[in-house]
Amino acid sequence: MGHARALISIEDVSLQLDIFKQILKNELSVRKVEELVRNASQPKEKSEGTAKEESAEIKELQTKLSSHFGSKIAIKSNGADKGEIKIPYSSTEDLNRILDILDI
């Protein structure tokens, strides 16, 4: 019952089956299955060195943009050269100030 409870939280059916096969083959405990499920649900990172370099570059860029806009800027990288930049504002006046900086 515990094994099934852990597996049901995985949306990817093929991943569920892979872990199920590991359970049968290795006679895994419920705790070990829960650990496998937790690790499987965490996003996979690029190689450690590349991720650290990118992270440092992103942090530096966030700092520069935050200073430029006078707001805390959030940058999220989705990998494969994709991501998003969020510029929060607290009022209509603040939004207009940011739009003026963007020259819009």
Protein backbone atom coordinates (compact mmCIF):
# COMPACT_ATOMS: atom_id res chain seq x y z
CA MET A 1 0.00 0.00 0.00
CA GLY A 2 2.81 2.43 0.88
CA HIS A 3 4.65 1.71 -2.35
CA ALA A 4 1.53 2.48 -4.37
CA ARG A 5 0.90 5.69 -2.42
CA ALA A 6 4.38 6.92 -3.31
CA LEU A 7 4.04 5.93 -6.97
CA ILE A 8 0.63 7.55 -7.45
CA SER A 9 2.16 11.00 -6.92
CA ILE A 10 4.15 10.64 -10.17
CA GLU A 11 2.24 11.90 -13.22
CA ASP A 12 4.54 10.32 -15.82
CA VAL A 13 3.27 6.77 -16.34
CA SER A 14 6.53 5.53 -17.86
CA LEU A 15 8.44 6.80 -14.82
CA GLN A 16 5.92 5.08 -12.54
CA LEU A 17 6.53 1.80 -14.39
CA ASP A 18 10.32 2.21 -14.22
CA ILE A 19 10.22 2.71 -10.46
CA PHE A 20 7.72 -0.16 -10.11
CA LYS A 21 10.15 -2.46 -11.93
CA GLN A 22 12.95 -1.30 -9.61
CA ILE A 23 10.74 -2.10 -6.59
CA LEU A 24 10.17 -5.65 -7.81
CA LYS A 25 13.75 -6.26 -8.93
CA ASN A 26 15.45 -4.83 -5.82
CA GLU A 27 12.69 -5.45 -3.23
CA LEU A 28 12.81 -1.76 -2.25
CA SER A 29 11.35 -0.49 1.00
CA VAL A 30 8.61 2.14 1.07
CA ARG A 31 11.14 4.71 2.35
CA LYS A 32 13.49 3.99 -0.54
CA VAL A 33 10.62 4.33 -3.03
CA GLU A 34 9.60 7.65 -1.47
CA GLU A 35 13.20 8.82 -1.88
CA LEU A 36 13.24 7.73 -5.52
CA VAL A 37 9.97 9.57 -6.16
CA ARG A 38 11.31 12.75 -4.51
CA ASN A 39 14.48 12.62 -6.60
CA ALA A 40 12.52 11.90 -9.78
CA SER A 41 10.22 14.87 -9.24
CA GLN A 42 13.11 17.33 -8.86
CA PRO A 43 14.06 19.09 -12.09
CA LYS A 44 17.23 17.78 -13.67
CA GLU A 45 20.06 20.29 -13.88
CA LYS A 46 22.70 20.66 -16.52
CA SER A 47 26.21 19.64 -15.63
CA GLU A 48 27.17 21.12 -12.28
CA GLY A 49 29.81 23.50 -13.62
CA THR A 50 27.58 24.87 -16.36
CA ALA A 51 24.64 25.35 -13.96
CA LYS A 52 26.85 27.23 -11.48
CA GLU A 53 28.26 29.47 -14.21
CA GLU A 54 24.78 30.20 -15.55
CA SER A 55 23.47 30.81 -12.04
CA ALA A 56 26.26 33.31 -11.33
CA GLU A 57 25.56 35.09 -14.63
CA ILE A 58 21.82 35.17 -13.91
CA LYS A 59 22.40 36.58 -10.40
CA GLU A 60 24.70 39.26 -11.76
CA LEU A 61 22.16 40.19 -14.43
CA GLN A 62 19.36 40.28 -11.83
CA THR A 63 21.43 42.66 -9.73
CA LYS A 64 22.14 44.95 -12.69
CA LEU A 65 18.49 45.00 -13.81
CA SER A 66 17.24 45.53 -10.25
CA SER A 67 19.54 48.52 -9.93
CA HIS A 68 18.46 49.88 -13.31
CA PHE A 69 14.71 49.56 -12.67
CA GLY A 70 14.71 50.28 -8.95
CA SER A 71 12.68 47.08 -8.41
CA LYS A 72 13.65 43.54 -7.52
CA ILE A 73 13.86 41.73 -10.86
CA ALA A 74 13.40 37.96 -11.09
CA ILE A 75 14.98 35.95 -13.88
CA LYS A 76 14.10 32.30 -14.37
CA SER A 77 15.96 30.17 -16.87
CA ASN A 78 14.15 27.16 -18.28
CA GLY A 79 17.21 25.87 -20.06
CA ALA A 80 17.71 25.66 -23.80
CA ASP A 81 18.13 29.45 -23.99
CA LYS A 82 14.59 30.10 -22.75
CA GLY A 83 13.27 31.81 -19.65
CA GLU A 84 11.44 34.81 -18.33
CA ILE A 85 12.12 38.15 -16.69
CA LYS A 86 9.65 39.50 -14.13
CA ILE A 87 9.50 43.17 -13.25
CA PRO A 88 7.14 43.74 -10.32
CA TYR A 89 5.41 47.06 -9.66
CA SER A 90 3.51 48.25 -6.60
CA SER A 91 1.21 50.90 -8.05
CA THR A 92 0.09 52.54 -11.27
CA GLU A 93 2.69 55.24 -10.74
CA ASP A 94 5.39 52.61 -10.28
CA LEU A 95 4.26 50.87 -13.49
CA ASN A 96 4.41 54.18 -15.37
CA ARG A 97 7.92 54.81 -13.99
CA ILE A 98 9.05 51.41 -15.30
CA LEU A 99 7.39 52.04 -18.67
CA ASP A 100 9.23 55.37 -18.88
CA ILE A 101 12.52 53.55 -18.27
CA LEU A 102 11.60 51.13 -21.06
CA ASP A 103 10.69 54.15 -23.19
CA ILE A 104 7.21 52.74 -23.91
